[in-house]
Amino acid sequence: MKVLDKKIEFNDGNFIPQVGLGTSKLTKQSGIVDSIAAAIKEGYRHIDTAQIYGNQNQLAEAIKKTNINRKELFITSKIWNSDHAYSDAVKAIDRILEELELDYIDLLLVHWPTPKRLECWKALEEAVEAGKVKSIGISNFLEEHIDELMKVAKIKPVINQFELHPALPCHSLVEHCRKNNIVVESWGTLIRGKCFEVEQIVELAKKYNKTPAQICLRWAYQLGYVVIPKSSKPERVVDNSNFGDFELTKEDMDYISTIKEYRDGPDPNNFEF
């Protein structure tokens, strides 16, 4: 099975393609149309965006140019922090649908665990009941945020998308998600582009005749994480899906675990909301 064909089942019975295309910082100027076209042609069917990316209108335009059937696509978006109050979240959901030119969103996430995250969750639950959203989840939630949500949620989160890569393996958070039947999704899988500077990753890339990016993606894929690599360059969009023809050994995985750990993105407990 090609990695782009692999799907993971949510706790609500829906499925997500394990490999998708990230679109953070992709705009019309940075080549989002070409990236989407290359991705669809290669076989990507999962596309990840967010309100704060400012590219949902361009994403809709790019998808239309591919002439692909909507039912074949899996679209993720996220509600930004400034819209987490209940009434604002309700409006944000309709705005996201309008910008993406969709009748429904496959997956909608609370982008960060702001103080009003539970209000936002209530709006997401109502959107599911109204048929506007198929599945709902969380992003950048730590163990304590998950526990708080699980106590009050009528609909349980299906996924948690957070910074997760060979330099930040988040063993405890991964285990906590799995204990609660929440799928783990990695952002920053390529160590936010710094994988090309990590000795262990570079060595394994030479061993397998692969790119450092492909080593990181294979690492996450073998651990069962959903991954959403991005690139504004069509050739790299294609390269980022070509990691299905090799497998990292246990020794290789152990070697990757020797990478010095650090967080490259914002800390969810110390983030300016």
C-alpha atoms as a PDB file:
ATOM      1  CA  MET A   1       0.000   0.000   0.000  1.00  0.00           C
ATOM      2  CA  LYS A   2       1.311   3.487  -0.888  1.00  0.00           C
ATOM      3  CA  VAL A   3       1.731   5.755   2.111  1.00  0.00           C
ATOM      4  CA  LEU A   4      -0.742   8.201   0.560  1.00  0.00           C
ATOM      5  CA  ASP A   5      -3.422   5.483   0.551  1.00  0.00           C
ATOM      6  CA  LYS A   6      -3.052   4.574   4.244  1.00  0.00           C
ATOM      7  CA  LYS A   7      -5.918   5.738   6.490  1.00  0.00           C
ATOM      8  CA  ILE A   8      -6.391   5.773  10.240  1.00  0.00           C
ATOM      9  CA  GLU A   9      -9.767   5.331  11.917  1.00  0.00           C
ATOM     10  CA  PHE A  10     -11.062   7.918  14.382  1.00  0.00           C
ATOM     11  CA  ASN A  11     -13.017   7.097  17.513  1.00  0.00           C
ATOM     12  CA  ASP A  12     -16.146   8.402  15.732  1.00  0.00           C
ATOM     13  CA  GLY A  13     -15.833   5.895  12.880  1.00  0.00           C
ATOM     14  CA  ASN A  14     -14.505   8.347  10.293  1.00  0.00           C
ATOM     15  CA  PHE A  15     -11.097   7.886   8.647  1.00  0.00           C
ATOM     16  CA  ILE A  16      -8.191  10.271   8.004  1.00  0.00           C
ATOM     17  CA  PRO A  17      -5.431   9.739   5.425  1.00  0.00           C
ATOM     18  CA  GLN A  18      -2.235   9.279   7.436  1.00  0.00           C
ATOM     19  CA  VAL A  19      -0.221  11.522   5.123  1.00  0.00           C
ATOM     20  CA  GLY A  20      -1.476  14.955   4.152  1.00  0.00           C
ATOM     21  CA  LEU A  21      -0.274  18.274   2.764  1.00  0.00           C
ATOM     22  CA  GLY A  22       0.366  21.094   5.207  1.00  0.00           C
ATOM     23  CA  THR A  23      -0.292  24.641   3.971  1.00  0.00           C
ATOM     24  CA  SER A  24       1.047  26.898   6.734  1.00  0.00           C
ATOM     25  CA  LYS A  25       2.697  29.965   5.150  1.00  0.00           C
ATOM     26  CA  LEU A  26       1.554  28.877   1.681  1.00  0.00           C
ATOM     27  CA  THR A  27      -0.201  31.706  -0.161  1.00  0.00           C
ATOM     28  CA  LYS A  28      -0.952  32.627  -3.727  1.00  0.00           C
ATOM     29  CA  GLN A  29       2.384  34.441  -3.803  1.00  0.00           C
ATOM     30  CA  SER A  30       4.317  31.461  -2.384  1.00  0.00           C
ATOM     31  CA  GLY A  31       2.863  28.927  -4.790  1.00  0.00           C
ATOM     32  CA  ILE A  32      -0.122  27.336  -3.096  1.00  0.00           C
ATOM     33  CA  VAL A  33      -1.862  26.636  -6.429  1.00  0.00           C
ATOM     34  CA  ASP A  34       1.156  24.772  -7.818  1.00  0.00           C
ATOM     35  CA  SER A  35       1.664  22.878  -4.548  1.00  0.00           C
ATOM     36  CA  ILE A  36      -1.953  21.724  -4.422  1.00  0.00           C
ATOM     37  CA  ALA A  37      -1.882  20.693  -8.078  1.00  0.00           C
ATOM     38  CA  ALA A  38       1.315  18.673  -7.568  1.00  0.00           C
ATOM     39  CA  ALA A  39      -0.063  17.087  -4.404  1.00  0.00           C
ATOM     40  CA  ILE A  40      -3.366  16.031  -5.956  1.00  0.00           C
ATOM     41  CA  LYS A  41      -1.594  14.638  -9.016  1.00  0.00           C
ATOM     42  CA  GLU A  42       0.766  12.646  -6.772  1.00  0.00           C
ATOM     43  CA  GLY A  43      -2.171  11.178  -4.838  1.00  0.00           C
ATOM     44  CA  TYR A  44      -2.514  13.377  -1.756  1.00  0.00           C
ATOM     45  CA  ARG A  45      -6.111  13.603  -0.606  1.00  0.00           C
ATOM     46  CA  HIS A  46      -5.664  15.148   2.837  1.00  0.00           C
ATOM     47  CA  ILE A  47      -5.046  18.907   3.016  1.00  0.00           C
ATOM     48  CA  ASP A  48      -4.486  20.815   6.269  1.00  0.00           C
ATOM     49  CA  THR A  49      -5.166  24.534   6.662  1.00  0.00           C
ATOM     50  CA  ALA A  50      -6.277  26.989   9.357  1.00  0.00           C
ATOM     51  CA  GLN A  51      -7.912  30.376   9.789  1.00  0.00           C
ATOM     52  CA  ILE A  52      -4.643  31.997  10.817  1.00  0.00           C
ATOM     53  CA  TYR A  53      -2.855  30.797   7.657  1.00  0.00           C
ATOM     54  CA  GLY A  54      -4.871  33.294   5.644  1.00  0.00           C
ATOM     55  CA  ASN A  55      -4.986  31.018   2.618  1.00  0.00           C
ATOM     56  CA  GLN A  56      -8.386  29.351   2.714  1.00  0.00           C
ATOM     57  CA  ASN A  57      -9.714  31.354  -0.243  1.00  0.00           C
ATOM     58  CA  GLN A  58      -6.615  30.472  -2.273  1.00  0.00           C
ATOM     59  CA  LEU A  59      -6.911  26.838  -1.194  1.00  0.00           C
ATOM     60  CA  ALA A  60     -10.480  26.726  -2.492  1.00  0.00           C
ATOM     61  CA  GLU A  61      -9.331  28.227  -5.781  1.00  0.00           C
ATOM     62  CA  ALA A  62      -6.459  25.754  -6.069  1.00  0.00           C
ATOM     63  CA  ILE A  63      -8.690  22.755  -5.399  1.00  0.00           C
ATOM     64  CA  LYS A  64     -11.203  23.889  -8.014  1.00  0.00           C
ATOM     65  CA  LYS A  65      -8.442  24.009 -10.620  1.00  0.00           C
ATOM     66  CA  THR A  66      -7.655  20.324 -10.016  1.00  0.00           C
ATOM     67  CA  ASN A  67     -11.245  19.311 -10.860  1.00  0.00           C
ATOM     68  CA  ILE A  68     -11.124  16.644  -8.155  1.00  0.00           C
ATOM     69  CA  ASN A  69     -14.331  15.322  -6.611  1.00  0.00           C
ATOM     70  CA  ARG A  70     -14.989  16.863  -3.179  1.00  0.00           C
ATOM     71  CA  LYS A  71     -15.789  13.451  -1.695  1.00  0.00           C
ATOM     72  CA  GLU A  72     -12.254  12.293  -2.444  1.00  0.00           C
ATOM     73  CA  LEU A  73     -10.725  15.047  -0.306  1.00  0.00           C
ATOM     74  CA  PHE A  74     -10.171  15.278   3.431  1.00  0.00           C
ATOM     75  CA  ILE A  75      -9.943  18.920   4.530  1.00  0.00           C
ATOM     76  CA  THR A  76      -8.790  20.025   7.979  1.00  0.00           C
ATOM     77  CA  SER A  77      -9.062  23.549   9.347  1.00  0.00           C
ATOM     78  CA  LYS A  78      -8.631  25.140  12.765  1.00  0.00           C
ATOM     79  CA  ILE A  79     -10.393  27.888  14.701  1.00  0.00           C
ATOM     80  CA  TRP A  80      -7.939  30.598  15.696  1.00  0.00           C
ATOM     81  CA  ASN A  81      -7.498  31.715  19.298  1.00  0.00           C
ATOM     82  CA  SER A  82      -9.246  35.081  18.951  1.00  0.00           C
ATOM     83  CA  ASP A  83     -12.473  33.264  17.974  1.00  0.00           C
ATOM     84  CA  HIS A  84     -12.688  30.801  20.880  1.00  0.00           C
ATOM     85  CA  ALA A  85     -15.538  32.541  22.708  1.00  0.00           C
ATOM     86  CA  TYR A  86     -18.698  30.551  21.912  1.00  0.00           C
ATOM     87  CA  SER A  87     -20.476  33.153  19.750  1.00  0.00           C
ATOM     88  CA  ASP A  88     -17.261  33.987  17.901  1.00  0.00           C
ATOM     89  CA  ALA A  89     -16.546  30.298  17.255  1.00  0.00           C
ATOM     90  CA  VAL A  90     -20.019  29.784  15.795  1.00  0.00           C
ATOM     91  CA  LYS A  91     -19.415  32.640  13.352  1.00  0.00           C
ATOM     92  CA  ALA A  92     -15.894  31.413  12.602  1.00  0.00           C
ATOM     93  CA  ILE A  93     -17.172  28.001  11.534  1.00  0.00           C
ATOM     94  CA  ASP A  94     -19.495  29.548   8.959  1.00  0.00           C
ATOM     95  CA  ARG A  95     -16.702  31.841   7.779  1.00  0.00           C
ATOM     96  CA  ILE A  96     -14.335  28.895   7.304  1.00  0.00           C
ATOM     97  CA  LEU A  97     -16.962  27.042   5.266  1.00  0.00           C
ATOM     98  CA  GLU A  98     -17.517  30.143   3.147  1.00  0.00           C
ATOM     99  CA  GLU A  99     -13.805  30.729   2.530  1.00  0.00           C
ATOM    100  CA  LEU A 100     -13.168  27.096   1.637  1.00  0.00           C
ATOM    101  CA  GLU A 101     -16.371  27.023  -0.459  1.00  0.00           C
ATOM    102  CA  LEU A 102     -17.418  23.778   1.205  1.00  0.00           C
ATOM    103  CA  ASP A 103     -20.704  22.345   2.460  1.00  0.00           C
ATOM    104  CA  TYR A 104     -18.867  20.569   5.276  1.00  0.00           C
ATOM    105  CA  ILE A 105     -15.402  20.314   6.814  1.00  0.00           C
ATOM    106  CA  ASP A 106     -13.937  16.855   7.379  1.00  0.00           C
ATOM    107  CA  LEU A 107     -12.025  17.853  10.504  1.00  0.00           C
ATOM    108  CA  LEU A 108     -12.095  21.046  12.547  1.00  0.00           C
ATOM    109  CA  LEU A 109      -9.699  21.709  15.434  1.00  0.00           C
ATOM    110  CA  VAL A 110      -9.356  24.079  18.380  1.00  0.00           C
ATOM    111  CA  HIS A 111      -6.002  25.586  17.373  1.00  0.00           C
ATOM    112  CA  TRP A 112      -4.490  26.251  20.828  1.00  0.00           C
ATOM    113  CA  PRO A 113      -5.677  25.623  24.414  1.00  0.00           C
ATOM    114  CA  THR A 114      -6.796  29.181  25.175  1.00  0.00           C
ATOM    115  CA  PRO A 115      -8.755  30.060  28.335  1.00  0.00           C
ATOM    116  CA  LYS A 116     -11.979  29.895  26.257  1.00  0.00           C
ATOM    117  CA  ARG A 117     -11.189  26.507  24.683  1.00  0.00           C
ATOM    118  CA  LEU A 118     -14.212  24.798  26.235  1.00  0.00           C
ATOM    119  CA  GLU A 119     -16.560  27.429  24.776  1.00  0.00           C
ATOM    120  CA  CYS A 120     -15.028  26.749  21.381  1.00  0.00           C
ATOM    121  CA  TRP A 121     -15.505  23.012  21.880  1.00  0.00           C
ATOM    122  CA  LYS A 122     -19.218  23.505  22.517  1.00  0.00           C
ATOM    123  CA  ALA A 123     -19.513  25.339  19.183  1.00  0.00           C
ATOM    124  CA  LEU A 124     -17.666  22.505  17.435  1.00  0.00           C
ATOM    125  CA  GLU A 125     -19.990  19.907  18.922  1.00  0.00           C
ATOM    126  CA  GLU A 126     -23.003  21.842  17.669  1.00  0.00           C
ATOM    127  CA  ALA A 127     -21.405  22.097  14.218  1.00  0.00           C
ATOM    128  CA  VAL A 128     -21.146  18.291  14.112  1.00  0.00           C
ATOM    129  CA  GLU A 129     -24.811  17.969  15.068  1.00  0.00           C
ATOM    130  CA  ALA A 130     -25.711  20.490  12.334  1.00  0.00           C
ATOM    131  CA  GLY A 131     -23.780  18.549   9.686  1.00  0.00           C
ATOM    132  CA  LYS A 132     -21.278  21.334   9.092  1.00  0.00           C
ATOM    133  CA  VAL A 133     -18.349  19.293  10.382  1.00  0.00           C
ATOM    134  CA  LYS A 134     -17.681  15.534  10.232  1.00  0.00           C
ATOM    135  CA  SER A 135     -15.090  15.195  13.011  1.00  0.00           C
ATOM    136  CA  ILE A 136     -13.656  17.509  15.669  1.00  0.00           C
ATOM    137  CA  GLY A 137     -10.356  17.548  17.462  1.00  0.00           C
ATOM    138  CA  ILE A 138      -7.718  19.589  19.230  1.00  0.00           C
ATOM    139  CA  SER A 139      -4.319  21.070  18.477  1.00  0.00           C
ATOM    140  CA  ASN A 140      -1.419  21.775  20.840  1.00  0.00           C
ATOM    141  CA  PHE A 141      -3.287  20.380  23.856  1.00  0.00           C
ATOM    142  CA  LEU A 142      -1.173  18.927  26.663  1.00  0.00           C
ATOM    143  CA  GLU A 143      -2.230  16.200  29.086  1.00  0.00           C
ATOM    144  CA  GLU A 144      -3.965  18.544  31.529  1.00  0.00           C
ATOM    145  CA  HIS A 145      -5.923  20.232  28.744  1.00  0.00           C
ATOM    146  CA  ILE A 146      -7.072  16.864  27.434  1.00  0.00           C
ATOM    147  CA  ASP A 147      -8.185  15.710  30.880  1.00  0.00           C
ATOM    148  CA  GLU A 148     -10.200  18.890  31.388  1.00  0.00           C
ATOM    149  CA  LEU A 149     -11.914  18.514  28.014  1.00  0.00           C
ATOM    150  CA  MET A 150     -12.682  14.821  28.438  1.00  0.00           C
ATOM    151  CA  LYS A 151     -14.649  15.586  31.621  1.00  0.00           C
ATOM    152  CA  VAL A 152     -17.168  17.816  29.839  1.00  0.00           C
ATOM    153  CA  ALA A 153     -17.122  16.825  26.160  1.00  0.00           C
ATOM    154  CA  LYS A 154     -20.301  15.321  24.708  1.00  0.00           C
ATOM    155  CA  ILE A 155     -18.272  14.427  21.619  1.00  0.00           C
ATOM    156  CA  LYS A 156     -14.750  13.234  22.338  1.00  0.00           C
ATOM    157  CA  PRO A 157     -11.849  14.707  20.343  1.00  0.00           C
ATOM    158  CA  VAL A 158     -10.725  12.380  17.553  1.00  0.00           C
ATOM    159  CA  ILE A 159      -7.210  13.780  17.132  1.00  0.00           C
ATOM    160  CA  ASN A 160      -4.561  15.969  18.754  1.00  0.00           C
ATOM    161  CA  GLN A 161      -2.194  17.796  16.406  1.00  0.00           C
ATOM    162  CA  PHE A 162       0.938  19.051  18.167  1.00  0.00           C
ATOM    163  CA  GLU A 163       4.642  19.707  17.681  1.00  0.00           C
ATOM    164  CA  LEU A 164       6.124  16.238  17.422  1.00  0.00           C
ATOM    165  CA  HIS A 165       9.374  15.227  15.748  1.00  0.00           C
ATOM    166  CA  PRO A 166      12.636  13.342  16.394  1.00  0.00           C
ATOM    167  CA  ALA A 167      13.881  16.212  18.585  1.00  0.00           C
ATOM    168  CA  LEU A 168      10.598  16.411  20.531  1.00  0.00           C
ATOM    169  CA  PRO A 169       9.146  12.857  20.760  1.00  0.00           C
ATOM    170  CA  CYS A 170       6.600  13.760  23.492  1.00  0.00           C
ATOM    171  CA  HIS A 171       6.393  10.194  24.807  1.00  0.00           C
ATOM    172  CA  SER A 172       4.085  11.038  27.717  1.00  0.00           C
ATOM    173  CA  LEU A 173       1.660  13.109  25.623  1.00  0.00           C
ATOM    174  CA  VAL A 174       1.544  10.477  22.875  1.00  0.00           C
ATOM    175  CA  GLU A 175       0.737   7.789  25.438  1.00  0.00           C
ATOM    176  CA  HIS A 176      -1.939   9.993  27.025  1.00  0.00           C
ATOM    177  CA  CYS A 177      -3.622  10.553  23.669  1.00  0.00           C
ATOM    178  CA  ARG A 178      -3.617   6.859  22.886  1.00  0.00           C
ATOM    179  CA  LYS A 179      -5.000   5.998  26.325  1.00  0.00           C
ATOM    180  CA  ASN A 180      -7.941   8.279  25.485  1.00  0.00           C
ATOM    181  CA  ASN A 181      -8.324   6.846  21.940  1.00  0.00           C
ATOM    182  CA  ILE A 182      -7.185  10.103  20.368  1.00  0.00           C
ATOM    183  CA  VAL A 183      -5.187   9.885  17.123  1.00  0.00           C
ATOM    184  CA  VAL A 184      -1.777  11.565  17.253  1.00  0.00           C
ATOM    185  CA  GLU A 185      -0.885  14.052  14.519  1.00  0.00           C
ATOM    186  CA  SER A 186       2.560  15.571  14.133  1.00  0.00           C
ATOM    187  CA  TRP A 187       3.275  19.116  13.053  1.00  0.00           C
ATOM    188  CA  GLY A 188       6.851  20.248  12.593  1.00  0.00           C
ATOM    189  CA  THR A 189       7.758  16.671  11.683  1.00  0.00           C
ATOM    190  CA  LEU A 190      10.855  17.880   9.831  1.00  0.00           C
ATOM    191  CA  ILE A 191      11.946  19.704  13.010  1.00  0.00           C
ATOM    192  CA  ARG A 192      10.580  22.790  11.271  1.00  0.00           C
ATOM    193  CA  GLY A 193      13.129  22.408   8.489  1.00  0.00           C
ATOM    194  CA  LYS A 194      16.094  21.857  10.811  1.00  0.00           C
ATOM    195  CA  CYS A 195      16.310  18.107  10.091  1.00  0.00           C
ATOM    196  CA  PHE A 196      19.019  18.834   7.523  1.00  0.00           C
ATOM    197  CA  GLU A 197      21.286  19.971  10.380  1.00  0.00           C
ATOM    198  CA  VAL A 198      20.831  16.958  12.703  1.00  0.00           C
ATOM    199  CA  GLU A 199      23.722  14.497  12.595  1.00  0.00           C
ATOM    200  CA  GLN A 200      21.686  11.340  13.251  1.00  0.00           C
ATOM    201  CA  ILE A 201      19.091  12.230  10.593  1.00  0.00           C
ATOM    202  CA  VAL A 202      21.736  13.138   8.003  1.00  0.00           C
ATOM    203  CA  GLU A 203      23.587   9.851   8.614  1.00  0.00           C
ATOM    204  CA  LEU A 204      20.428   7.787   8.159  1.00  0.00           C
ATOM    205  CA  ALA A 205      19.550   9.745   5.016  1.00  0.00           C
ATOM    206  CA  LYS A 206      22.898   8.691   3.537  1.00  0.00           C
ATOM    207  CA  LYS A 207      22.386   5.084   4.664  1.00  0.00           C
ATOM    208  CA  TYR A 208      19.019   4.794   2.917  1.00  0.00           C
ATOM    209  CA  ASN A 209      19.757   7.169   0.042  1.00  0.00           C
ATOM    210  CA  LYS A 210      16.856   9.319   1.154  1.00  0.00           C
ATOM    211  CA  THR A 211      16.480  12.960   2.155  1.00  0.00           C
ATOM    212  CA  PRO A 212      16.564  13.970   5.842  1.00  0.00           C
ATOM    213  CA  ALA A 213      12.935  15.004   5.424  1.00  0.00           C
ATOM    214  CA  GLN A 214      11.988  11.502   4.283  1.00  0.00           C
ATOM    215  CA  ILE A 215      13.776   9.995   7.297  1.00  0.00           C
ATOM    216  CA  CYS A 216      11.758  12.176   9.685  1.00  0.00           C
ATOM    217  CA  LEU A 217       8.516  11.391   7.901  1.00  0.00           C
ATOM    218  CA  ARG A 218       9.255   7.660   7.908  1.00  0.00           C
ATOM    219  CA  TRP A 219      10.011   7.852  11.648  1.00  0.00           C
ATOM    220  CA  ALA A 220       6.629   9.425  12.366  1.00  0.00           C
ATOM    221  CA  TYR A 221       4.788   7.160   9.932  1.00  0.00           C
ATOM    222  CA  GLN A 222       6.209   4.011  11.516  1.00  0.00           C
ATOM    223  CA  LEU A 223       5.082   5.251  14.920  1.00  0.00           C
ATOM    224  CA  GLY A 224       1.546   5.589  13.565  1.00  0.00           C
ATOM    225  CA  TYR A 225       1.325   9.374  13.568  1.00  0.00           C
ATOM    226  CA  VAL A 226      -0.574  11.431  10.996  1.00  0.00           C
ATOM    227  CA  VAL A 227       1.896  13.714   9.174  1.00  0.00           C
ATOM    228  CA  ILE A 228       1.321  16.879   7.123  1.00  0.00           C
ATOM    229  CA  PRO A 229       4.589  17.971   5.468  1.00  0.00           C
ATOM    230  CA  LYS A 230       4.473  21.195   3.472  1.00  0.00           C
ATOM    231  CA  SER A 231       6.428  22.782   0.676  1.00  0.00           C
ATOM    232  CA  SER A 232       5.916  25.585  -1.802  1.00  0.00           C
ATOM    233  CA  LYS A 233       7.975  23.614  -4.342  1.00  0.00           C
ATOM    234  CA  PRO A 234       6.025  20.969  -6.311  1.00  0.00           C
ATOM    235  CA  GLU A 235       9.053  18.671  -6.564  1.00  0.00           C
ATOM    236  CA  ARG A 236       9.417  18.609  -2.780  1.00  0.00           C
ATOM    237  CA  VAL A 237       5.704  17.945  -2.348  1.00  0.00           C
ATOM    238  CA  VAL A 238       6.291  14.802  -4.408  1.00  0.00           C
ATOM    239  CA  ASP A 239       9.526  13.909  -2.570  1.00  0.00           C
ATOM    240  CA  ASN A 240       7.802  14.233   0.794  1.00  0.00           C
ATOM    241  CA  SER A 241       5.501  11.325  -0.053  1.00  0.00           C
ATOM    242  CA  ASN A 242       8.253   9.021  -1.310  1.00  0.00           C
ATOM    243  CA  PHE A 243       9.158   7.259   1.920  1.00  0.00           C
ATOM    244  CA  GLY A 244       7.119   4.086   1.488  1.00  0.00           C
ATOM    245  CA  ASP A 245       9.852   1.952  -0.055  1.00  0.00           C
ATOM    246  CA  PHE A 246      12.031   1.529   3.025  1.00  0.00           C
ATOM    247  CA  GLU A 247      11.668   0.875   6.746  1.00  0.00           C
ATOM    248  CA  LEU A 248      13.788   2.138   9.609  1.00  0.00           C
ATOM    249  CA  THR A 249      15.168  -0.687  11.740  1.00  0.00           C
ATOM    250  CA  LYS A 250      14.775  -0.797  15.517  1.00  0.00           C
ATOM    251  CA  GLU A 251      18.429   0.176  15.769  1.00  0.00           C
ATOM    252  CA  ASP A 252      17.787   3.191  13.537  1.00  0.00           C
ATOM    253  CA  MET A 253      14.775   4.214  15.627  1.00  0.00           C
ATOM    254  CA  ASP A 254      16.876   3.875  18.783  1.00  0.00           C
ATOM    255  CA  TYR A 255      19.595   5.990  17.156  1.00  0.00           C
ATOM    256  CA  ILE A 256      17.047   8.702  16.373  1.00  0.00           C
ATOM    257  CA  SER A 257      16.038   8.677  20.051  1.00  0.00           C
ATOM    258  CA  THR A 258      19.552   9.896  20.942  1.00  0.00           C
ATOM    259  CA  ILE A 259      18.852  13.287  19.344  1.00  0.00           C
ATOM    260  CA  LYS A 260      18.972  16.075  21.911  1.00  0.00           C
ATOM    261  CA  GLU A 261      15.409  17.063  22.761  1.00  0.00           C
ATOM    262  CA  TYR A 262      14.110  20.600  22.397  1.00  0.00           C
ATOM    263  CA  ARG A 263      10.905  22.421  21.505  1.00  0.00           C
ATOM    264  CA  ASP A 264      11.252  24.562  18.392  1.00  0.00           C
ATOM    265  CA  GLY A 265       7.735  26.051  18.390  1.00  0.00           C
ATOM    266  CA  PRO A 266       5.656  27.812  21.059  1.00  0.00           C
ATOM    267  CA  ASP A 267       5.025  26.179  24.427  1.00  0.00           C
ATOM    268  CA  PRO A 268       1.258  25.532  24.789  1.00  0.00           C
ATOM    269  CA  ASN A 269       1.430  26.619  28.444  1.00  0.00           C
ATOM    270  CA  ASN A 270       3.294  29.833  27.644  1.00  0.00           C
ATOM    271  CA  PHE A 271       1.714  31.038  24.427  1.00  0.00           C
ATOM    272  CA  GLU A 272       0.440  34.539  23.753  1.00  0.00           C
ATOM    273  CA  PHE A 273      -3.235  34.006  22.980  1.00  0.00           C
END
